[in-house]
Structures are given as structure tokens and as C-alpha cells.
Amino acid sequence: MKFLLVATMGVAMFLGTFALPSSTSASTTAKPVVLMQDDCVVTGNNDIPLRVRATPGGRVIGSLRVGSNIKAWDIQTKNGVDWTKISWKRGYGWVATEFVSCG
């Protein structure tokens, strides 16, 4: 009985270590969380204002001109799009991360 338990554990360890593929979950490609960066700017290749949203991908609550300075607080991914949480008026808003440059 002891041999069967040891053999089963050995096979399980082998399969878990070598035979099974590594995880392909979204967490392996997650971006680092921005705690707070106040040296960020709105970017773009034209003069179209960047929409500020209430939630990632949510209702539009305003807009920012290209070149506006912003504070970034967090990054989240929703439906394959990265969103940056920013200081907005007396609270927070969300903008598409692809149009934010920090540092």
C-alpha cells in the first residue's frame, strides 16, 4: 500500500512538472499595477479629445485634450482593452491606456 501511494505521488509530480503545459491564463500577461503616477500625459496622433469614462468601457463623462497632464492610479483590462484610472474632477475616471504616456 505504501509503495502504491509513493508511486502515485511520483507520477502526479511528474505530470504536474513536466508533462502538462504551462498555464495560459490572462494573469501571465498582466501589466504591473500603477499605484500612482502624476507625470502622465494624454497622447494621440491627432487633435481628437480623449473620452473619459465612469468605468472601464462605460459611460462617457467628459474628455481631455491631447497633451493634458493627468494622474494615473490603476490599470484594468476589460474585454481585451487596458484602461487607466485617472484623477477626474473630484473623483476618478477611466481612459484607454493606449492614449496615456507616463514617465
PDB file of N, CA and C in Angstrom:
ATOM      1  N   MET A   1       0.825  -1.184   0.000  1.00  0.00           N
ATOM      2  CA  MET A   1       0.000   0.000   0.000  1.00  0.00           C
ATOM      3  C   MET A   1       0.873   1.254   0.000  1.00  0.00           C
ATOM      4  N   LYS A   2       1.936   1.259   0.820  1.00  0.00           N
ATOM      5  CA  LYS A   2       2.815   2.406   0.894  1.00  0.00           C
ATOM      6  C   LYS A   2       3.489   2.656  -0.459  1.00  0.00           C
ATOM      7  N   PHE A   3       3.893   1.578  -1.150  1.00  0.00           N
ATOM      8  CA  PHE A   3       4.521   1.705  -2.459  1.00  0.00           C
ATOM      9  C   PHE A   3       3.557   2.334  -3.464  1.00  0.00           C
ATOM     10  N   LEU A   4       2.296   1.933  -3.437  1.00  0.00           N
ATOM     11  CA  LEU A   4       1.297   2.465  -4.356  1.00  0.00           C
ATOM     12  C   LEU A   4       1.113   3.971  -4.130  1.00  0.00           C
ATOM     13  N   LEU A   5       1.073   4.402  -2.886  1.00  0.00           N
ATOM     14  CA  LEU A   5       0.936   5.820  -2.557  1.00  0.00           C
ATOM     15  C   LEU A   5       2.142   6.613  -3.049  1.00  0.00           C
ATOM     16  N   VAL A   6       3.346   6.103  -2.821  1.00  0.00           N
ATOM     17  CA  VAL A   6       4.568   6.778  -3.252  1.00  0.00           C
ATOM     18  C   VAL A   6       4.625   6.842  -4.781  1.00  0.00           C
ATOM     19  N   ALA A   7       4.249   5.769  -5.454  1.00  0.00           N
ATOM     20  CA  ALA A   7       4.257   5.736  -6.922  1.00  0.00           C
ATOM     21  C   ALA A   7       3.243   6.720  -7.485  1.00  0.00           C
ATOM     22  N   THR A   8       2.064   6.792  -6.898  1.00  0.00           N
ATOM     23  CA  THR A   8       1.030   7.719  -7.349  1.00  0.00           C
ATOM     24  C   THR A   8       1.501   9.161  -7.190  1.00  0.00           C
ATOM     25  N   MET A   9       2.102   9.465  -6.052  1.00  0.00           N
ATOM     26  CA  MET A   9       2.622  10.811  -5.810  1.00  0.00           C
ATOM     27  C   MET A   9       3.723  11.151  -6.818  1.00  0.00           C
ATOM     28  N   GLY A  10       4.584  10.204  -7.115  1.00  0.00           N
ATOM     29  CA  GLY A  10       5.668  10.429  -8.074  1.00  0.00           C
ATOM     30  C   GLY A  10       5.134  10.722  -9.469  1.00  0.00           C
ATOM     31  N   VAL A  11       4.139   9.972  -9.907  1.00  0.00           N
ATOM     32  CA  VAL A  11       3.530  10.197 -11.218  1.00  0.00           C
ATOM     33  C   VAL A  11       2.836  11.558 -11.252  1.00  0.00           C
ATOM     34  N   ALA A  12       2.128  11.914 -10.195  1.00  0.00           N
ATOM     35  CA  ALA A  12       1.438  13.197 -10.136  1.00  0.00           C
ATOM     36  C   ALA A  12       2.437  14.355 -10.196  1.00  0.00           C
ATOM     37  N   MET A  13       3.552  14.221  -9.481  1.00  0.00           N
ATOM     38  CA  MET A  13       4.562  15.270  -9.506  1.00  0.00           C
ATOM     39  C   MET A  13       5.181  15.396 -10.895  1.00  0.00           C
ATOM     40  N   PHE A  14       5.440  14.255 -11.563  1.00  0.00           N
ATOM     41  CA  PHE A  14       5.998  14.284 -12.910  1.00  0.00           C
ATOM     42  C   PHE A  14       5.045  14.969 -13.876  1.00  0.00           C
ATOM     43  N   LEU A  15       3.779  14.586 -13.835  1.00  0.00           N
ATOM     44  CA  LEU A  15       2.805  15.180 -14.749  1.00  0.00           C
ATOM     45  C   LEU A  15       2.623  16.668 -14.482  1.00  0.00           C
ATOM     46  N   GLY A  16       2.599  17.050 -13.239  1.00  0.00           N
ATOM     47  CA  GLY A  16       2.414  18.459 -12.900  1.00  0.00           C
ATOM     48  C   GLY A  16       3.620  19.320 -13.222  1.00  0.00           C
ATOM     49  N   THR A  17       4.805  18.706 -13.276  1.00  0.00           N
ATOM     50  CA  THR A  17       6.026  19.466 -13.510  1.00  0.00           C
ATOM     51  C   THR A  17       6.472  19.460 -14.963  1.00  0.00           C
ATOM     52  N   PHE A  18       6.384  18.306 -15.624  1.00  0.00           N
ATOM     53  CA  PHE A  18       6.962  18.188 -16.956  1.00  0.00           C
ATOM     54  C   PHE A  18       5.952  17.968 -18.079  1.00  0.00           C
ATOM     55  N   ALA A  19       4.959  17.168 -17.853  1.00  0.00           N
ATOM     56  CA  ALA A  19       4.100  16.735 -18.946  1.00  0.00           C
ATOM     57  C   ALA A  19       2.985  17.708 -19.294  1.00  0.00           C
ATOM     58  N   LEU A  20       2.469  18.446 -18.322  1.00  0.00           N
ATOM     59  CA  LEU A  20       1.364  19.346 -18.601  1.00  0.00           C
ATOM     60  C   LEU A  20       1.878  20.704 -19.079  1.00  0.00           C
ATOM     61  N   PRO A  21       1.165  21.331 -20.020  1.00  0.00           N
ATOM     62  CA  PRO A  21       1.611  22.652 -20.485  1.00  0.00           C
ATOM     63  C   PRO A  21       1.457  23.694 -19.388  1.00  0.00           C
ATOM     64  N   SER A  22       2.253  24.749 -19.465  1.00  0.00           N
ATOM     65  CA  SER A  22       2.095  25.832 -18.507  1.00  0.00           C
ATOM     66  C   SER A  22       0.777  26.540 -18.743  1.00  0.00           C
ATOM     67  N   SER A  23       0.352  27.233 -17.736  1.00  0.00           N
ATOM     68  CA  SER A  23      -0.909  27.970 -17.791  1.00  0.00           C
ATOM     69  C   SER A  23      -0.829  29.076 -18.826  1.00  0.00           C
ATOM     70  N   THR A  24      -1.937  29.306 -19.530  1.00  0.00           N
ATOM     71  CA  THR A  24      -2.012  30.399 -20.497  1.00  0.00           C
ATOM     72  C   THR A  24      -3.060  31.402 -20.057  1.00  0.00           C
ATOM     73  N   SER A  25      -3.259  31.491 -18.750  1.00  0.00           N
ATOM     74  CA  SER A  25      -4.277  32.404 -18.241  1.00  0.00           C
ATOM     75  C   SER A  25      -3.847  33.853 -18.444  1.00  0.00           C
ATOM     76  N   ALA A  26      -4.816  34.755 -18.354  1.00  0.00           N
ATOM     77  CA  ALA A  26      -4.566  36.177 -18.559  1.00  0.00           C
ATOM     78  C   ALA A  26      -3.588  36.737 -17.539  1.00  0.00           C
ATOM     79  N   SER A  27      -3.506  36.123 -16.373  1.00  0.00           N
ATOM     80  CA  SER A  27      -2.624  36.662 -15.341  1.00  0.00           C
ATOM     81  C   SER A  27      -1.156  36.575 -15.733  1.00  0.00           C
ATOM     82  N   THR A  28      -0.789  35.699 -16.677  1.00  0.00           N
ATOM     83  CA  THR A  28       0.606  35.611 -17.082  1.00  0.00           C
ATOM     84  C   THR A  28       1.012  36.799 -17.938  1.00  0.00           C
ATOM     85  N   THR A  29       0.056  37.522 -18.509  1.00  0.00           N
ATOM     86  CA  THR A  29       0.378  38.676 -19.329  1.00  0.00           C
ATOM     87  C   THR A  29      -0.101  39.975 -18.690  1.00  0.00           C
ATOM     88  N   ALA A  30      -0.467  39.906 -17.423  1.00  0.00           N
ATOM     89  CA  ALA A  30      -0.995  41.095 -16.749  1.00  0.00           C
ATOM     90  C   ALA A  30       0.084  42.161 -16.632  1.00  0.00           C
ATOM     91  N   LYS A  31      -0.314  43.409 -16.783  1.00  0.00           N
ATOM     92  CA  LYS A  31       0.602  44.530 -16.645  1.00  0.00           C
ATOM     93  C   LYS A  31       0.743  44.879 -15.168  1.00  0.00           C
ATOM     94  N   PRO A  32       1.889  45.456 -14.798  1.00  0.00           N
ATOM     95  CA  PRO A  32       2.029  45.861 -13.397  1.00  0.00           C
ATOM     96  C   PRO A  32       1.008  46.939 -13.046  1.00  0.00           C
ATOM     97  N   VAL A  33       0.535  46.904 -11.827  1.00  0.00           N
ATOM     98  CA  VAL A  33      -0.455  47.874 -11.370  1.00  0.00           C
ATOM     99  C   VAL A  33       0.235  49.199 -11.075  1.00  0.00           C
ATOM    100  N   VAL A  34      -0.330  50.260 -11.582  1.00  0.00           N
ATOM    101  CA  VAL A  34       0.192  51.595 -11.307  1.00  0.00           C
ATOM    102  C   VAL A  34      -0.407  52.057  -9.986  1.00  0.00           C
ATOM    103  N   LEU A  35       0.417  52.329  -8.993  1.00  0.00           N
ATOM    104  CA  LEU A  35      -0.098  52.787  -7.710  1.00  0.00           C
ATOM    105  C   LEU A  35      -0.458  54.254  -7.775  1.00  0.00           C
ATOM    106  N   MET A  36       0.396  55.074  -8.365  1.00  0.00           N
ATOM    107  CA  MET A  36       0.085  56.479  -8.606  1.00  0.00           C
ATOM    108  C   MET A  36       1.250  57.091  -9.349  1.00  0.00           C
ATOM    109  N   GLN A  37       0.949  57.649 -10.494  1.00  0.00           N
ATOM    110  CA  GLN A  37       1.952  58.376 -11.260  1.00  0.00           C
ATOM    111  C   GLN A  37       1.348  59.713 -11.642  1.00  0.00           C
ATOM    112  N   ASP A  38       2.038  60.783 -11.272  1.00  0.00           N
ATOM    113  CA  ASP A  38       1.478  62.094 -11.580  1.00  0.00           C
ATOM    114  C   ASP A  38       2.180  62.772 -12.752  1.00  0.00           C
ATOM    115  N   ASP A  39       3.037  62.046 -13.447  1.00  0.00           N
ATOM    116  CA  ASP A  39       3.747  62.612 -14.589  1.00  0.00           C
ATOM    117  C   ASP A  39       3.254  62.003 -15.908  1.00  0.00           C
ATOM    118  N   CYS A  40       1.954  61.825 -16.032  1.00  0.00           N
ATOM    119  CA  CYS A  40       1.371  61.222 -17.228  1.00  0.00           C
ATOM    120  C   CYS A  40       0.758  62.295 -18.116  1.00  0.00           C
ATOM    121  N   VAL A  41       0.664  61.984 -19.404  1.00  0.00           N
ATOM    122  CA  VAL A  41       0.118  62.922 -20.378  1.00  0.00           C
ATOM    123  C   VAL A  41      -0.758  62.161 -21.368  1.00  0.00           C
ATOM    124  N   VAL A  42      -1.806  62.810 -21.871  1.00  0.00           N
ATOM    125  CA  VAL A  42      -2.678  62.237 -22.894  1.00  0.00           C
ATOM    126  C   VAL A  42      -1.951  62.324 -24.231  1.00  0.00           C
ATOM    127  N   THR A  43      -1.869  61.199 -24.944  1.00  0.00           N
ATOM    128  CA  THR A  43      -1.192  61.156 -26.237  1.00  0.00           C
ATOM    129  C   THR A  43      -2.200  60.858 -27.341  1.00  0.00           C
ATOM    130  N   GLY A  44      -1.770  60.993 -28.558  1.00  0.00           N
ATOM    131  CA  GLY A  44      -2.604  60.690 -29.711  1.00  0.00           C
ATOM    132  C   GLY A  44      -1.922  61.166 -30.971  1.00  0.00           C
ATOM    133  N   ASN A  45      -2.443  60.734 -32.109  1.00  0.00           N
ATOM    134  CA  ASN A  45      -1.834  61.135 -33.371  1.00  0.00           C
ATOM    135  C   ASN A  45      -2.667  62.194 -34.096  1.00  0.00           C
ATOM    136  N   ASN A  46      -3.641  62.762 -33.386  1.00  0.00           N
ATOM    137  CA  ASN A  46      -4.472  63.826 -33.941  1.00  0.00           C
ATOM    138  C   ASN A  46      -4.997  64.676 -32.784  1.00  0.00           C
ATOM    139  N   ASP A  47      -5.828  65.618 -33.085  1.00  0.00           N
ATOM    140  CA  ASP A  47      -6.330  66.509 -32.034  1.00  0.00           C
ATOM    141  C   ASP A  47      -7.700  66.108 -31.509  1.00  0.00           C
ATOM    142  N   ILE A  48      -8.098  64.854 -31.693  1.00  0.00           N
ATOM    143  CA  ILE A  48      -9.392  64.390 -31.197  1.00  0.00           C
ATOM    144  C   ILE A  48      -9.288  64.196 -29.684  1.00  0.00           C
ATOM    145  N   PRO A  49     -10.179  64.808 -28.891  1.00  0.00           N
ATOM    146  CA  PRO A  49     -10.125  64.653 -27.430  1.00  0.00           C
ATOM    147  C   PRO A  49     -10.304  63.191 -26.998  1.00  0.00           C
ATOM    148  N   LEU A  50      -9.640  62.843 -25.914  1.00  0.00           N
ATOM    149  CA  LEU A  50      -9.739  61.504 -25.336  1.00  0.00           C
ATOM    150  C   LEU A  50     -10.959  61.442 -24.424  1.00  0.00           C
ATOM    151  N   ARG A  51     -11.806  60.461 -24.617  1.00  0.00           N
ATOM    152  CA  ARG A  51     -13.011  60.314 -23.797  1.00  0.00           C
ATOM    153  C   ARG A  51     -12.658  59.791 -22.410  1.00  0.00           C
ATOM    154  N   VAL A  52     -13.224  60.395 -21.396  1.00  0.00           N
ATOM    155  CA  VAL A  52     -13.088  59.934 -20.012  1.00  0.00           C
ATOM    156  C   VAL A  52     -14.386  59.218 -19.673  1.00  0.00           C
ATOM    157  N   ARG A  53     -14.274  58.032 -19.084  1.00  0.00           N
ATOM    158  CA  ARG A  53     -15.443  57.206 -18.801  1.00  0.00           C
ATOM    159  C   ARG A  53     -15.615  56.972 -17.301  1.00  0.00           C
ATOM    160  N   ALA A  54     -16.851  56.698 -16.900  1.00  0.00           N
ATOM    161  CA  ALA A  54     -17.171  56.464 -15.492  1.00  0.00           C
ATOM    162  C   ALA A  54     -16.573  55.149 -14.994  1.00  0.00           C
ATOM    163  N   THR A  55     -16.520  54.161 -15.853  1.00  0.00           N
ATOM    164  CA  THR A  55     -15.963  52.844 -15.551  1.00  0.00           C
ATOM    165  C   THR A  55     -15.198  52.380 -16.786  1.00  0.00           C
ATOM    166  N   PRO A  56     -14.344  51.359 -16.681  1.00  0.00           N
ATOM    167  CA  PRO A  56     -13.650  50.872 -17.873  1.00  0.00           C
ATOM    168  C   PRO A  56     -14.657  50.476 -18.969  1.00  0.00           C
ATOM    169  N   GLY A  57     -14.617  51.182 -20.090  1.00  0.00           N
ATOM    170  CA  GLY A  57     -15.532  50.908 -21.198  1.00  0.00           C
ATOM    171  C   GLY A  57     -16.947  51.410 -20.972  1.00  0.00           C
ATOM    172  N   GLY A  58     -17.170  52.159 -19.902  1.00  0.00           N
ATOM    173  CA  GLY A  58     -18.515  52.596 -19.518  1.00  0.00           C
ATOM    174  C   GLY A  58     -18.941  53.918 -20.127  1.00  0.00           C
ATOM    175  N   ARG A  59     -19.878  54.561 -19.471  1.00  0.00           N
ATOM    176  CA  ARG A  59     -20.495  55.817 -19.907  1.00  0.00           C
ATOM    177  C   ARG A  59     -19.460  56.936 -19.963  1.00  0.00           C
ATOM    178  N   VAL A  60     -19.498  57.744 -21.039  1.00  0.00           N
ATOM    179  CA  VAL A  60     -18.593  58.876 -21.207  1.00  0.00           C
ATOM    180  C   VAL A  60     -19.023  60.003 -20.264  1.00  0.00           C
ATOM    181  N   ILE A  61     -18.054  60.511 -19.478  1.00  0.00           N
ATOM    182  CA  ILE A  61     -18.361  61.591 -18.521  1.00  0.00           C
ATOM    183  C   ILE A  61     -17.601  62.872 -18.836  1.00  0.00           C
ATOM    184  N   GLY A  62     -16.784  62.857 -19.873  1.00  0.00           N
ATOM    185  CA  GLY A  62     -16.036  64.052 -20.249  1.00  0.00           C
ATOM    186  C   GLY A  62     -14.960  63.714 -21.258  1.00  0.00           C
ATOM    187  N   SER A  63     -14.043  64.653 -21.472  1.00  0.00           N
ATOM    188  CA  SER A  63     -12.953  64.421 -22.417  1.00  0.00           C
ATOM    189  C   SER A  63     -11.730  65.244 -22.015  1.00  0.00           C
ATOM    190  N   LEU A  64     -10.583  64.846 -22.544  1.00  0.00           N
ATOM    191  CA  LEU A  64      -9.308  65.529 -22.292  1.00  0.00           C
ATOM    192  C   LEU A  64      -8.621  65.799 -23.626  1.00  0.00           C
ATOM    193  N   ARG A  65      -7.985  66.963 -23.746  1.00  0.00           N
ATOM    194  CA  ARG A  65      -7.241  67.286 -24.962  1.00  0.00           C
ATOM    195  C   ARG A  65      -5.910  66.546 -24.973  1.00  0.00           C
ATOM    196  N   VAL A  66      -5.424  66.246 -26.176  1.00  0.00           N
ATOM    197  CA  VAL A  66      -4.094  65.667 -26.336  1.00  0.00           C
ATOM    198  C   VAL A  66      -3.098  66.637 -25.713  1.00  0.00           C
ATOM    199  N   GLY A  67      -2.193  66.117 -24.897  1.00  0.00           N
ATOM    200  CA  GLY A  67      -1.205  66.927 -24.196  1.00  0.00           C
ATOM    201  C   GLY A  67      -1.580  67.270 -22.767  1.00  0.00           C
ATOM    202  N   SER A  68      -2.817  66.945 -22.355  1.00  0.00           N
ATOM    203  CA  SER A  68      -3.245  67.222 -20.981  1.00  0.00           C
ATOM    204  C   SER A  68      -2.449  66.379 -19.992  1.00  0.00           C
ATOM    205  N   ASN A  69      -2.058  66.971 -18.877  1.00  0.00           N
ATOM    206  CA  ASN A  69      -1.378  66.245 -17.797  1.00  0.00           C
ATOM    207  C   ASN A  69      -2.426  65.566 -16.924  1.00  0.00           C
ATOM    208  N   ILE A  70      -2.159  64.312 -16.548  1.00  0.00           N
ATOM    209  CA  ILE A  70      -3.090  63.553 -15.719  1.00  0.00           C
ATOM    210  C   ILE A  70      -2.332  62.761 -14.661  1.00  0.00           C
ATOM    211  N   LYS A  71      -3.053  62.333 -13.614  1.00  0.00           N
ATOM    212  CA  LYS A  71      -2.534  61.420 -12.591  1.00  0.00           C
ATOM    213  C   LYS A  71      -3.155  60.057 -12.839  1.00  0.00           C
ATOM    214  N   ALA A  72      -2.324  59.032 -12.937  1.00  0.00           N
ATOM    215  CA  ALA A  72      -2.793  57.665 -13.151  1.00  0.00           C
ATOM    216  C   ALA A  72      -2.727  56.888 -11.839  1.00  0.00           C
ATOM    217  N   TRP A  73      -3.777  56.101 -11.569  1.00  0.00           N
ATOM    218  CA  TRP A  73      -3.876  55.374 -10.297  1.00  0.00           C
ATOM    219  C   TRP A  73      -3.866  53.863 -10.439  1.00  0.00           C
ATOM    220  N   ASP A  74      -4.344  53.334 -11.541  1.00  0.00           N
ATOM    221  CA  ASP A  74      -4.529  51.891 -11.649  1.00  0.00           C
ATOM    222  C   ASP A  74      -4.677  51.533 -13.119  1.00  0.00           C
ATOM    223  N   ILE A  75      -4.510  50.266 -13.444  1.00  0.00           N
ATOM    224  CA  ILE A  75      -4.777  49.743 -14.791  1.00  0.00           C
ATOM    225  C   ILE A  75      -5.635  48.499 -14.652  1.00  0.00           C
ATOM    226  N   GLN A  76      -6.681  48.402 -15.463  1.00  0.00           N
ATOM    227  CA  GLN A  76      -7.530  47.207 -15.516  1.00  0.00           C
ATOM    228  C   GLN A  76      -7.752  46.839 -16.973  1.00  0.00           C
ATOM    229  N   THR A  77      -7.993  45.563 -17.209  1.00  0.00           N
ATOM    230  CA  THR A  77      -8.302  45.087 -18.554  1.00  0.00           C
ATOM    231  C   THR A  77      -9.756  44.653 -18.589  1.00  0.00           C
ATOM    232  N   LYS A  78     -10.487  45.138 -19.589  1.00  0.00           N
ATOM    233  CA  LYS A  78     -11.876  44.745 -19.775  1.00  0.00           C
ATOM    234  C   LYS A  78     -12.090  44.463 -21.250  1.00  0.00           C
ATOM    235  N   ASN A  79     -12.552  43.273 -21.563  1.00  0.00           N
ATOM    236  CA  ASN A  79     -12.808  42.845 -22.945  1.00  0.00           C
ATOM    237  C   ASN A  79     -11.580  43.046 -23.835  1.00  0.00           C
ATOM    238  N   GLY A  80     -10.403  42.761 -23.297  1.00  0.00           N
ATOM    239  CA  GLY A  80      -9.169  42.845 -24.058  1.00  0.00           C
ATOM    240  C   GLY A  80      -8.599  44.242 -24.220  1.00  0.00           C
ATOM    241  N   VAL A  81      -9.198  45.234 -23.585  1.00  0.00           N
ATOM    242  CA  VAL A  81      -8.714  46.616 -23.664  1.00  0.00           C
ATOM    243  C   VAL A  81      -8.209  47.036 -22.293  1.00  0.00           C
ATOM    244  N   ASP A  82      -7.018  47.639 -22.248  1.00  0.00           N
ATOM    245  CA  ASP A  82      -6.466  48.145 -20.993  1.00  0.00           C
ATOM    246  C   ASP A  82      -7.006  49.547 -20.738  1.00  0.00           C
ATOM    247  N   TRP A  83      -7.422  49.789 -19.490  1.00  0.00           N
ATOM    248  CA  TRP A  83      -7.983  51.073 -19.072  1.00  0.00           C
ATOM    249  C   TRP A  83      -7.181  51.608 -17.896  1.00  0.00           C
ATOM    250  N   THR A  84      -6.899  52.910 -17.909  1.00  0.00           N
ATOM    251  CA  THR A  84      -6.158  53.566 -16.835  1.00  0.00           C
ATOM    252  C   THR A  84      -7.108  54.414 -16.009  1.00  0.00           C
ATOM    253  N   LYS A  85      -7.069  54.203 -14.692  1.00  0.00           N
ATOM    254  CA  LYS A  85      -7.858  55.006 -13.763  1.00  0.00           C
ATOM    255  C   LYS A  85      -7.108  56.307 -13.519  1.00  0.00           C
ATOM    256  N   ILE A  86      -7.805  57.446 -13.693  1.00  0.00           N
ATOM    257  CA  ILE A  86      -7.167  58.755 -13.542  1.00  0.00           C
ATOM    258  C   ILE A  86      -7.937  59.611 -12.548  1.00  0.00           C
ATOM    259  N   SER A  87      -7.253  60.618 -12.006  1.00  0.00           N
ATOM    260  CA  SER A  87      -7.946  61.621 -11.200  1.00  0.00           C
ATOM    261  C   SER A  87      -8.815  62.427 -12.155  1.00  0.00           C
ATOM    262  N   TRP A  88     -10.094  62.596 -11.795  1.00  0.00           N
ATOM    263  CA  TRP A  88     -11.027  63.314 -12.657  1.00  0.00           C
ATOM    264  C   TRP A  88     -11.958  64.136 -11.793  1.00  0.00           C
ATOM    265  N   LYS A  89     -11.889  65.426 -11.948  1.00  0.00           N
ATOM    266  CA  LYS A  89     -12.688  66.371 -11.163  1.00  0.00           C
ATOM    267  C   LYS A  89     -12.524  66.041  -9.686  1.00  0.00           C
ATOM    268  N   ARG A  90     -13.582  65.708  -8.970  1.00  0.00           N
ATOM    269  CA  ARG A  90     -13.458  65.376  -7.536  1.00  0.00           C
ATOM    270  C   ARG A  90     -13.447  63.883  -7.270  1.00  0.00           C
ATOM    271  N   GLY A  91     -13.203  63.105  -8.292  1.00  0.00           N
ATOM    272  CA  GLY A  91     -13.180  61.652  -8.151  1.00  0.00           C
ATOM    273  C   GLY A  91     -12.215  61.024  -9.142  1.00  0.00           C
ATOM    274  N   TYR A  92     -12.711  59.989  -9.807  1.00  0.00           N
ATOM    275  CA  TYR A  92     -11.885  59.245 -10.747  1.00  0.00           C
ATOM    276  C   TYR A  92     -12.649  59.027 -12.042  1.00  0.00           C
ATOM    277  N   GLY A  93     -11.888  58.808 -13.107  1.00  0.00           N
ATOM    278  CA  GLY A  93     -12.432  58.442 -14.399  1.00  0.00           C
ATOM    279  C   GLY A  93     -11.510  57.405 -15.023  1.00  0.00           C
ATOM    280  N   TRP A  94     -11.896  56.900 -16.181  1.00  0.00           N
ATOM    281  CA  TRP A  94     -11.118  55.865 -16.868  1.00  0.00           C
ATOM    282  C   TRP A  94     -10.887  56.280 -18.310  1.00  0.00           C
ATOM    283  N   VAL A  95      -9.656  56.058 -18.799  1.00  0.00           N
ATOM    284  CA  VAL A  95      -9.314  56.335 -20.187  1.00  0.00           C
ATOM    285  C   VAL A  95      -8.575  55.133 -20.760  1.00  0.00           C
ATOM    286  N   ALA A  96      -8.620  54.987 -22.081  1.00  0.00           N
ATOM    287  CA  ALA A  96      -7.898  53.885 -22.736  1.00  0.00           C
ATOM    288  C   ALA A  96      -6.398  54.077 -22.531  1.00  0.00           C
ATOM    289  N   THR A  97      -5.756  53.070 -22.014  1.00  0.00           N
ATOM    290  CA  THR A  97      -4.328  53.127 -21.676  1.00  0.00           C
ATOM    291  C   THR A  97      -3.453  53.415 -22.889  1.00  0.00           C
ATOM    292  N   GLU A  98      -3.877  53.000 -24.059  1.00  0.00           N
ATOM    293  CA  GLU A  98      -3.056  53.218 -25.251  1.00  0.00           C
ATOM    294  C   GLU A  98      -2.837  54.707 -25.540  1.00  0.00           C
ATOM    295  N   PHE A  99      -3.650  55.579 -24.938  1.00  0.00           N
ATOM    296  CA  PHE A  99      -3.518  57.018 -25.153  1.00  0.00           C
ATOM    297  C   PHE A  99      -2.946  57.741 -23.927  1.00  0.00           C
ATOM    298  N   VAL A 100      -2.242  56.997 -23.075  1.00  0.00           N
ATOM    299  CA  VAL A 100      -1.616  57.567 -21.879  1.00  0.00           C
ATOM    300  C   VAL A 100      -0.136  57.217 -21.895  1.00  0.00           C
ATOM    301  N   SER A 101       0.687  58.225 -21.643  1.00  0.00           N
ATOM    302  CA  SER A 101       2.127  58.012 -21.539  1.00  0.00           C
ATOM    303  C   SER A 101       2.597  58.558 -20.195  1.00  0.00           C
ATOM    304  N   CYS A 102       3.271  57.707 -19.424  1.00  0.00           N
ATOM    305  CA  CYS A 102       3.761  58.114 -18.098  1.00  0.00           C
ATOM    306  C   CYS A 102       5.279  58.025 -18.050  1.00  0.00           C
ATOM    307  N   GLY A 103       5.850  58.911 -17.255  1.00  0.00           N
ATOM    308  CA  GLY A 103       7.284  58.839 -17.012  1.00  0.00           C
ATOM    309  C   GLY A 103       8.018  59.771 -17.831  1.00  0.00           C
TER     310      GLY A 103
END
